[in-house]
Amino acid sequence: MRKFAAMSILATLICLPTGQALAHFGMVIPDQHIIDQEKKKTTLTLSFSHPFENVGMDLALPKKFTVTMGGKTTDLLATLTPASVMEHKAWQTTYNFTRPGVYQFVMEPTPYWEPTEDLSIIHYTKTVIPAFGDDEGWDEPVGLPTEIVPLLRPFGNYAGNSFSGQVLLQGKPVAGAEVEVEFYNKGNRLRARSDYHVTQVIKADGNGIFTFSCPLAGWWGFAALSEADYTIKDPAGKDKGVELGAVLWIYLDELPEARQ
């Protein structure tokens, strides 16, 4: 039955070609999403893209890149080296874990000018990685201008689980926040039924809480968008609006086969 359900999901997604969607996602994607004694390090790749369509954009050197664990934040910006994702400029670093904990990696990008939307984009992007069996602190805010705080532990989950999170802006819940969701369709193995299927959209409740069921194993990105209360000059020197994004990436594993 599980194989039949998986085939039904793929049949829904693999249908017609889709045009380019407008949803942007900051991305912080590690090659190891859980750390144990056999896998004590991970390589994190930072990029900016349309993840379902695999359409990349150049990511300038981020303004900040940090990891927070146990209430302590460490600056990792100097460890970044140039990389390429989806044929566009990206960044990469390898992080070695030395003690148990829940590590929250956060990228604050240099503002990205988007001429088609006539504004600048700043996506505060977060990925949470547990190490050596510890699972304390995964629901603690990092203190970003805007962020998604997970209400479901954001690791150790299976495809089909429902993810819940709370959108914060300046530390306060965002009632009715709009949250965009995309699957990282690495390798373009899936094709969306229509443009509407590329980016899912959810409305948070009055406390900024939303829930979304993730049908496939892999990386899922959640982006809650808000308007900043300040402006940034465009390339022509005119003051223009700023889109703030609270972005969170989570990984869901395949449900394992029962042991015979």
C-alpha atoms as a PDB file:
ATOM      1  CA  MET A   1       0.000   0.000   0.000  1.00  0.00           C
ATOM      2  CA  ARG A   2       2.845   2.407   0.799  1.00  0.00           C
ATOM      3  CA  LYS A   3       4.380   1.920  -2.664  1.00  0.00           C
ATOM      4  CA  PHE A   4       0.985   2.565  -4.266  1.00  0.00           C
ATOM      5  CA  ALA A   5       0.571   5.791  -2.253  1.00  0.00           C
ATOM      6  CA  ALA A   6       4.040   6.975  -3.280  1.00  0.00           C
ATOM      7  CA  MET A   7       3.244   6.290  -6.931  1.00  0.00           C
ATOM      8  CA  SER A   8       0.015   8.294  -6.595  1.00  0.00           C
ATOM      9  CA  ILE A   9       1.940  11.275  -5.207  1.00  0.00           C
ATOM     10  CA  LEU A  10       4.445  11.138  -8.056  1.00  0.00           C
ATOM     11  CA  ALA A  11       1.646  10.875 -10.596  1.00  0.00           C
ATOM     12  CA  THR A  12       0.188  14.090  -9.214  1.00  0.00           C
ATOM     13  CA  LEU A  13       3.502  15.898  -9.532  1.00  0.00           C
ATOM     14  CA  ILE A  14       4.870  14.442 -12.773  1.00  0.00           C
ATOM     15  CA  CYS A  15       2.518  15.792 -15.396  1.00  0.00           C
ATOM     16  CA  LEU A  16       2.858  19.026 -17.325  1.00  0.00           C
ATOM     17  CA  PRO A  17       5.795  21.429 -17.714  1.00  0.00           C
ATOM     18  CA  THR A  18       5.560  24.483 -15.520  1.00  0.00           C
ATOM     19  CA  GLY A  19       6.527  28.090 -16.099  1.00  0.00           C
ATOM     20  CA  GLN A  20       8.867  29.937 -13.796  1.00  0.00           C
ATOM     21  CA  ALA A  21       7.327  30.786 -10.450  1.00  0.00           C
ATOM     22  CA  LEU A  22       8.185  33.948  -8.563  1.00  0.00           C
ATOM     23  CA  ALA A  23       8.835  32.440  -5.125  1.00  0.00           C
ATOM     24  CA  HIS A  24      12.391  33.021  -3.903  1.00  0.00           C
ATOM     25  CA  PHE A  25      14.032  30.927  -1.181  1.00  0.00           C
ATOM     26  CA  GLY A  26      17.252  31.408   0.699  1.00  0.00           C
ATOM     27  CA  MET A  27      18.773  27.961   1.168  1.00  0.00           C
ATOM     28  CA  VAL A  28      21.101  26.478   3.795  1.00  0.00           C
ATOM     29  CA  ILE A  29      21.370  22.796   2.901  1.00  0.00           C
ATOM     30  CA  PRO A  30      23.737  20.380   4.712  1.00  0.00           C
ATOM     31  CA  ASP A  31      24.854  17.068   3.261  1.00  0.00           C
ATOM     32  CA  GLN A  32      24.290  15.403   6.685  1.00  0.00           C
ATOM     33  CA  HIS A  33      21.077  16.442   8.438  1.00  0.00           C
ATOM     34  CA  ILE A  34      21.698  14.355  11.584  1.00  0.00           C
ATOM     35  CA  ILE A  35      25.108  14.034  13.251  1.00  0.00           C
ATOM     36  CA  ASP A  36      26.259  10.876  15.020  1.00  0.00           C
ATOM     37  CA  GLN A  37      29.517   9.151  15.921  1.00  0.00           C
ATOM     38  CA  GLU A  38      29.923   7.876  12.352  1.00  0.00           C
ATOM     39  CA  LYS A  39      29.174  11.248  10.733  1.00  0.00           C
ATOM     40  CA  LYS A  40      30.730  14.001  12.827  1.00  0.00           C
ATOM     41  CA  LYS A  41      30.758  16.762  10.243  1.00  0.00           C
ATOM     42  CA  THR A  42      28.615  18.224   7.507  1.00  0.00           C
ATOM     43  CA  THR A  43      29.164  20.418   4.474  1.00  0.00           C
ATOM     44  CA  LEU A  44      26.621  23.247   4.324  1.00  0.00           C
ATOM     45  CA  THR A  45      25.774  24.920   1.025  1.00  0.00           C
ATOM     46  CA  LEU A  46      24.267  28.414   0.989  1.00  0.00           C
ATOM     47  CA  SER A  47      22.344  29.551  -2.090  1.00  0.00           C
ATOM     48  CA  PHE A  48      19.356  31.540  -3.377  1.00  0.00           C
ATOM     49  CA  SER A  49      16.892  29.991  -5.781  1.00  0.00           C
ATOM     50  CA  HIS A  50      13.520  28.715  -6.924  1.00  0.00           C
ATOM     51  CA  PRO A  51      14.094  25.255  -5.378  1.00  0.00           C
ATOM     52  CA  PHE A  52      11.364  23.238  -7.072  1.00  0.00           C
ATOM     53  CA  GLU A  53      12.242  24.479 -10.557  1.00  0.00           C
ATOM     54  CA  ASN A  54      16.009  24.409  -9.943  1.00  0.00           C
ATOM     55  CA  VAL A  55      16.361  27.982 -11.178  1.00  0.00           C
ATOM     56  CA  GLY A  56      19.234  29.659  -9.376  1.00  0.00           C
ATOM     57  CA  MET A  57      20.219  33.248  -8.665  1.00  0.00           C
ATOM     58  CA  ASP A  58      23.573  34.635  -7.636  1.00  0.00           C
ATOM     59  CA  LEU A  59      24.064  34.838  -3.885  1.00  0.00           C
ATOM     60  CA  ALA A  60      26.465  37.589  -2.866  1.00  0.00           C
ATOM     61  CA  LEU A  61      28.658  36.960   0.159  1.00  0.00           C
ATOM     62  CA  PRO A  62      26.139  36.875   3.035  1.00  0.00           C
ATOM     63  CA  LYS A  63      26.086  39.689   5.551  1.00  0.00           C
ATOM     64  CA  LYS A  64      26.130  37.130   8.368  1.00  0.00           C
ATOM     65  CA  PHE A  65      26.406  33.356   8.753  1.00  0.00           C
ATOM     66  CA  THR A  66      26.245  31.939  12.274  1.00  0.00           C
ATOM     67  CA  VAL A  67      25.527  28.835  14.317  1.00  0.00           C
ATOM     68  CA  THR A  68      23.706  28.988  17.654  1.00  0.00           C
ATOM     69  CA  MET A  69      23.829  26.172  20.210  1.00  0.00           C
ATOM     70  CA  GLY A  70      23.115  26.255  23.925  1.00  0.00           C
ATOM     71  CA  GLY A  71      22.521  29.996  23.885  1.00  0.00           C
ATOM     72  CA  LYS A  72      25.917  30.732  22.315  1.00  0.00           C
ATOM     73  CA  THR A  73      26.230  32.126  18.777  1.00  0.00           C
ATOM     74  CA  THR A  74      29.400  31.643  16.720  1.00  0.00           C
ATOM     75  CA  ASP A  75      30.322  33.638  13.618  1.00  0.00           C
ATOM     76  CA  LEU A  76      31.061  31.357  10.638  1.00  0.00           C
ATOM     77  CA  LEU A  77      31.219  33.957   7.886  1.00  0.00           C
ATOM     78  CA  ALA A  78      34.999  33.731   7.475  1.00  0.00           C
ATOM     79  CA  THR A  79      34.753  29.973   6.843  1.00  0.00           C
ATOM     80  CA  LEU A  80      32.682  30.354   3.658  1.00  0.00           C
ATOM     81  CA  THR A  81      34.271  29.545   0.304  1.00  0.00           C
ATOM     82  CA  PRO A  82      32.804  30.124  -3.193  1.00  0.00           C
ATOM     83  CA  ALA A  83      30.623  27.390  -4.687  1.00  0.00           C
ATOM     84  CA  SER A  84      28.120  26.957  -7.490  1.00  0.00           C
ATOM     85  CA  VAL A  85      24.472  25.878  -7.186  1.00  0.00           C
ATOM     86  CA  MET A  86      22.168  25.659 -10.185  1.00  0.00           C
ATOM     87  CA  GLU A  87      24.952  27.305 -12.222  1.00  0.00           C
ATOM     88  CA  HIS A  88      24.907  30.392 -10.000  1.00  0.00           C
ATOM     89  CA  LYS A  89      27.168  31.829  -7.316  1.00  0.00           C
ATOM     90  CA  ALA A  90      26.799  30.171  -3.918  1.00  0.00           C
ATOM     91  CA  TRP A  91      28.855  29.512  -0.769  1.00  0.00           C
ATOM     92  CA  GLN A  92      29.974  26.493   1.192  1.00  0.00           C
ATOM     93  CA  THR A  93      31.609  25.479   4.445  1.00  0.00           C
ATOM     94  CA  THR A  94      32.309  22.308   6.420  1.00  0.00           C
ATOM     95  CA  TYR A  95      31.390  22.256  10.098  1.00  0.00           C
ATOM     96  CA  ASN A  96      32.839  19.782  12.606  1.00  0.00           C
ATOM     97  CA  PHE A  97      30.652  18.877  15.597  1.00  0.00           C
ATOM     98  CA  THR A  98      32.504  18.257  18.830  1.00  0.00           C
ATOM     99  CA  ARG A  99      29.736  17.919  21.429  1.00  0.00           C
ATOM    100  CA  PRO A 100      26.045  17.036  21.735  1.00  0.00           C
ATOM    101  CA  GLY A 101      23.522  19.764  21.044  1.00  0.00           C
ATOM    102  CA  VAL A 102      20.972  21.221  18.669  1.00  0.00           C
ATOM    103  CA  TYR A 103      22.718  23.551  16.228  1.00  0.00           C
ATOM    104  CA  GLN A 104      20.803  26.324  14.452  1.00  0.00           C
ATOM    105  CA  PHE A 105      22.608  27.575  11.339  1.00  0.00           C
ATOM    106  CA  VAL A 106      21.443  30.990  10.139  1.00  0.00           C
ATOM    107  CA  MET A 107      22.231  33.002   7.014  1.00  0.00           C
ATOM    108  CA  GLU A 108      21.459  36.704   6.742  1.00  0.00           C
ATOM    109  CA  PRO A 109      22.062  37.589   3.083  1.00  0.00           C
ATOM    110  CA  THR A 110      23.183  40.828   1.557  1.00  0.00           C
ATOM    111  CA  PRO A 111      19.945  42.489   0.331  1.00  0.00           C
ATOM    112  CA  TYR A 112      18.992  41.216  -3.130  1.00  0.00           C
ATOM    113  CA  TRP A 113      17.454  43.742  -5.547  1.00  0.00           C
ATOM    114  CA  GLU A 114      14.562  42.180  -7.481  1.00  0.00           C
ATOM    115  CA  PRO A 115      13.625  44.468 -10.401  1.00  0.00           C
ATOM    116  CA  THR A 116      10.505  42.494 -11.353  1.00  0.00           C
ATOM    117  CA  GLU A 117       9.028  43.160  -7.912  1.00  0.00           C
ATOM    118  CA  ASP A 118      10.585  46.625  -7.491  1.00  0.00           C
ATOM    119  CA  LEU A 119      11.953  45.830  -4.031  1.00  0.00           C
ATOM    120  CA  SER A 120      14.868  44.346  -2.128  1.00  0.00           C
ATOM    121  CA  ILE A 121      14.698  40.873  -0.593  1.00  0.00           C
ATOM    122  CA  ILE A 122      16.262  39.734   2.689  1.00  0.00           C
ATOM    123  CA  HIS A 123      15.625  36.103   3.633  1.00  0.00           C
ATOM    124  CA  TYR A 124      16.773  35.130   7.122  1.00  0.00           C
ATOM    125  CA  THR A 125      17.364  31.435   6.452  1.00  0.00           C
ATOM    126  CA  LYS A 126      17.629  28.793   9.170  1.00  0.00           C
ATOM    127  CA  THR A 127      18.405  25.055   9.261  1.00  0.00           C
ATOM    128  CA  VAL A 128      18.483  23.010  12.473  1.00  0.00           C
ATOM    129  CA  ILE A 129      20.861  20.045  12.899  1.00  0.00           C
ATOM    130  CA  PRO A 130      20.972  17.759  15.967  1.00  0.00           C
ATOM    131  CA  ALA A 131      24.213  16.157  17.103  1.00  0.00           C
ATOM    132  CA  PHE A 132      25.004  12.998  19.090  1.00  0.00           C
ATOM    133  CA  GLY A 133      21.472  12.305  20.318  1.00  0.00           C
ATOM    134  CA  ASP A 134      20.724  15.660  21.969  1.00  0.00           C
ATOM    135  CA  ASP A 135      17.346  17.212  21.161  1.00  0.00           C
ATOM    136  CA  GLU A 136      17.099  20.126  23.605  1.00  0.00           C
ATOM    137  CA  GLY A 137      16.430  23.651  22.331  1.00  0.00           C
ATOM    138  CA  TRP A 138      15.031  22.975  18.850  1.00  0.00           C
ATOM    139  CA  ASP A 139      12.004  25.170  19.630  1.00  0.00           C
ATOM    140  CA  GLU A 140      13.993  28.178  20.856  1.00  0.00           C
ATOM    141  CA  PRO A 141      14.000  31.370  18.726  1.00  0.00           C
ATOM    142  CA  VAL A 142      17.402  32.617  17.626  1.00  0.00           C
ATOM    143  CA  GLY A 143      16.285  36.251  17.922  1.00  0.00           C
ATOM    144  CA  LEU A 144      16.193  37.157  14.224  1.00  0.00           C
ATOM    145  CA  PRO A 145      14.195  40.131  12.906  1.00  0.00           C
ATOM    146  CA  THR A 146      11.817  37.500  11.533  1.00  0.00           C
ATOM    147  CA  GLU A 147      11.916  33.721  11.880  1.00  0.00           C
ATOM    148  CA  ILE A 148       9.870  30.530  11.909  1.00  0.00           C
ATOM    149  CA  VAL A 149       9.979  28.707  15.240  1.00  0.00           C
ATOM    150  CA  PRO A 150       9.216  24.990  14.758  1.00  0.00           C
ATOM    151  CA  LEU A 151       6.432  23.428  16.806  1.00  0.00           C
ATOM    152  CA  LEU A 152       7.209  19.973  15.424  1.00  0.00           C
ATOM    153  CA  ARG A 153      10.756  18.870  16.173  1.00  0.00           C
ATOM    154  CA  PRO A 154      12.433  19.733  12.825  1.00  0.00           C
ATOM    155  CA  PHE A 155      14.488  16.526  12.535  1.00  0.00           C
ATOM    156  CA  GLY A 156      13.923  12.796  12.912  1.00  0.00           C
ATOM    157  CA  ASN A 157      10.709  12.945  10.858  1.00  0.00           C
ATOM    158  CA  TYR A 158       9.245  10.816   8.076  1.00  0.00           C
ATOM    159  CA  ALA A 159       7.643  11.771   4.775  1.00  0.00           C
ATOM    160  CA  GLY A 160       3.939  12.294   5.390  1.00  0.00           C
ATOM    161  CA  ASN A 161       4.424  14.038   8.734  1.00  0.00           C
ATOM    162  CA  SER A 162       2.659  17.348   9.299  1.00  0.00           C
ATOM    163  CA  PHE A 163       5.011  20.223  10.104  1.00  0.00           C
ATOM    164  CA  SER A 164       3.839  23.085  12.330  1.00  0.00           C
ATOM    165  CA  GLY A 165       5.618  26.358  12.981  1.00  0.00           C
ATOM    166  CA  GLN A 166       5.035  29.847  14.338  1.00  0.00           C
ATOM    167  CA  VAL A 167       5.958  32.979  12.397  1.00  0.00           C
ATOM    168  CA  LEU A 168       7.593  35.748  14.424  1.00  0.00           C
ATOM    169  CA  LEU A 169       8.362  39.335  13.397  1.00  0.00           C
ATOM    170  CA  GLN A 170      10.428  41.338  15.878  1.00  0.00           C
ATOM    171  CA  GLY A 171       9.756  38.556  18.359  1.00  0.00           C
ATOM    172  CA  LYS A 172       5.955  38.736  18.084  1.00  0.00           C
ATOM    173  CA  PRO A 173       3.556  36.314  16.351  1.00  0.00           C
ATOM    174  CA  VAL A 174       2.369  37.404  12.896  1.00  0.00           C
ATOM    175  CA  ALA A 175      -1.382  36.875  12.685  1.00  0.00           C
ATOM    176  CA  GLY A 176      -2.482  35.649   9.261  1.00  0.00           C
ATOM    177  CA  ALA A 177       1.088  35.383   7.954  1.00  0.00           C
ATOM    178  CA  GLU A 178       1.357  34.006   4.424  1.00  0.00           C
ATOM    179  CA  VAL A 179       3.751  31.075   4.216  1.00  0.00           C
ATOM    180  CA  GLU A 180       5.124  29.760   0.932  1.00  0.00           C
ATOM    181  CA  VAL A 181       6.284  26.122   0.777  1.00  0.00           C
ATOM    182  CA  GLU A 182       8.490  24.413  -1.796  1.00  0.00           C
ATOM    183  CA  PHE A 183      10.105  21.023  -2.164  1.00  0.00           C
ATOM    184  CA  TYR A 184      13.777  21.043  -3.164  1.00  0.00           C
ATOM    185  CA  ASN A 185      13.388  19.168  -6.419  1.00  0.00           C
ATOM    186  CA  LYS A 186      17.058  18.310  -6.783  1.00  0.00           C
ATOM    187  CA  GLY A 187      17.857  16.861 -10.180  1.00  0.00           C
ATOM    188  CA  ASN A 188      14.488  17.948 -11.599  1.00  0.00           C
ATOM    189  CA  ARG A 189      13.058  14.467 -11.074  1.00  0.00           C
ATOM    190  CA  LEU A 190       9.545  15.863 -10.557  1.00  0.00           C
ATOM    191  CA  ARG A 191       7.387  18.081 -12.742  1.00  0.00           C
ATOM    192  CA  ALA A 192       4.474  20.077 -11.348  1.00  0.00           C
ATOM    193  CA  ARG A 193       0.924  19.601 -12.597  1.00  0.00           C
ATOM    194  CA  SER A 194       0.567  23.391 -12.965  1.00  0.00           C
ATOM    195  CA  ASP A 195       2.264  26.631 -11.914  1.00  0.00           C
ATOM    196  CA  TYR A 196       0.071  26.607  -8.801  1.00  0.00           C
ATOM    197  CA  HIS A 197       1.632  23.323  -7.704  1.00  0.00           C
ATOM    198  CA  VAL A 198       5.202  24.675  -7.690  1.00  0.00           C
ATOM    199  CA  THR A 199       4.737  26.809  -4.572  1.00  0.00           C
ATOM    200  CA  GLN A 200       2.175  25.787  -1.937  1.00  0.00           C
ATOM    201  CA  VAL A 201       0.685  28.627   0.128  1.00  0.00           C
ATOM    202  CA  ILE A 202      -0.676  28.579   3.687  1.00  0.00           C
ATOM    203  CA  LYS A 203      -2.245  31.243   5.897  1.00  0.00           C
ATOM    204  CA  ALA A 204      -1.198  31.200   9.537  1.00  0.00           C
ATOM    205  CA  ASP A 205      -3.819  31.603  12.254  1.00  0.00           C
ATOM    206  CA  GLY A 206      -4.202  34.520  14.649  1.00  0.00           C
ATOM    207  CA  ASN A 207      -1.135  33.371  16.600  1.00  0.00           C
ATOM    208  CA  GLY A 208       1.070  33.034  13.538  1.00  0.00           C
ATOM    209  CA  ILE A 209       0.837  29.216  13.629  1.00  0.00           C
ATOM    210  CA  PHE A 210       0.581  27.134  10.456  1.00  0.00           C
ATOM    211  CA  THR A 211       0.607  23.420   9.590  1.00  0.00           C
ATOM    212  CA  PHE A 212       1.602  21.661   6.363  1.00  0.00           C
ATOM    213  CA  SER A 213       1.808  17.938   5.548  1.00  0.00           C
ATOM    214  CA  CYS A 214       4.932  17.014   3.573  1.00  0.00           C
ATOM    215  CA  PRO A 215       4.157  14.076   1.238  1.00  0.00           C
ATOM    216  CA  LEU A 216       7.674  13.314  -0.004  1.00  0.00           C
ATOM    217  CA  ALA A 217      11.043  12.567   1.558  1.00  0.00           C
ATOM    218  CA  GLY A 218      13.687  15.262   1.112  1.00  0.00           C
ATOM    219  CA  TRP A 219      14.176  18.937   1.874  1.00  0.00           C
ATOM    220  CA  TRP A 220      11.159  21.227   2.351  1.00  0.00           C
ATOM    221  CA  GLY A 221      11.452  25.007   2.618  1.00  0.00           C
ATOM    222  CA  PHE A 222       9.008  27.306   4.422  1.00  0.00           C
ATOM    223  CA  ALA A 223       9.141  31.057   3.773  1.00  0.00           C
ATOM    224  CA  ALA A 224       6.975  33.526   5.702  1.00  0.00           C
ATOM    225  CA  LEU A 225       7.039  36.935   4.043  1.00  0.00           C
ATOM    226  CA  SER A 226       6.607  40.336   5.706  1.00  0.00           C
ATOM    227  CA  GLU A 227       7.109  43.952   4.704  1.00  0.00           C
ATOM    228  CA  ALA A 228       9.934  45.784   6.470  1.00  0.00           C
ATOM    229  CA  ASP A 229       9.282  49.113   8.179  1.00  0.00           C
ATOM    230  CA  TYR A 230      12.265  50.625   6.367  1.00  0.00           C
ATOM    231  CA  THR A 231      13.455  51.099   2.795  1.00  0.00           C
ATOM    232  CA  ILE A 232      16.647  50.375   0.850  1.00  0.00           C
ATOM    233  CA  LYS A 233      17.846  52.341  -2.147  1.00  0.00           C
ATOM    234  CA  ASP A 234      17.507  50.637  -5.517  1.00  0.00           C
ATOM    235  CA  PRO A 235      20.341  50.677  -8.117  1.00  0.00           C
ATOM    236  CA  ALA A 236      19.070  54.095  -9.296  1.00  0.00           C
ATOM    237  CA  GLY A 237      19.312  55.532  -5.782  1.00  0.00           C
ATOM    238  CA  LYS A 238      15.558  55.609  -5.045  1.00  0.00           C
ATOM    239  CA  ASP A 239      14.134  54.410  -1.747  1.00  0.00           C
ATOM    240  CA  LYS A 240      12.213  51.165  -2.268  1.00  0.00           C
ATOM    241  CA  GLY A 241      10.433  48.645  -0.071  1.00  0.00           C
ATOM    242  CA  VAL A 242      12.006  45.558   1.485  1.00  0.00           C
ATOM    243  CA  GLU A 243      10.588  42.025   1.663  1.00  0.00           C
ATOM    244  CA  LEU A 244      11.649  40.182   4.798  1.00  0.00           C
ATOM    245  CA  GLY A 245      11.536  36.405   4.649  1.00  0.00           C
ATOM    246  CA  ALA A 246      11.620  34.021   7.589  1.00  0.00           C
ATOM    247  CA  VAL A 247      12.874  30.815   5.957  1.00  0.00           C
ATOM    248  CA  LEU A 248      13.212  27.400   7.578  1.00  0.00           C
ATOM    249  CA  TRP A 249      14.401  24.171   5.925  1.00  0.00           C
ATOM    250  CA  ILE A 250      13.556  20.714   7.276  1.00  0.00           C
ATOM    251  CA  TYR A 251      14.403  17.222   6.049  1.00  0.00           C
ATOM    252  CA  LEU A 252      12.012  14.251   6.019  1.00  0.00           C
ATOM    253  CA  ASP A 253      13.249  10.676   5.657  1.00  0.00           C
ATOM    254  CA  GLU A 254      11.668   7.777   3.812  1.00  0.00           C
ATOM    255  CA  LEU A 255       9.667   5.481   6.060  1.00  0.00           C
ATOM    256  CA  PRO A 256      11.815   2.358   6.409  1.00  0.00           C
ATOM    257  CA  GLU A 257      10.605  -1.058   5.328  1.00  0.00           C
ATOM    258  CA  ALA A 258       9.508  -3.351   8.142  1.00  0.00           C
ATOM    259  CA  ARG A 259      12.128  -5.904   9.148  1.00  0.00           C
ATOM    260  CA  GLN A 260      11.359  -9.444   8.051  1.00  0.00           C
END
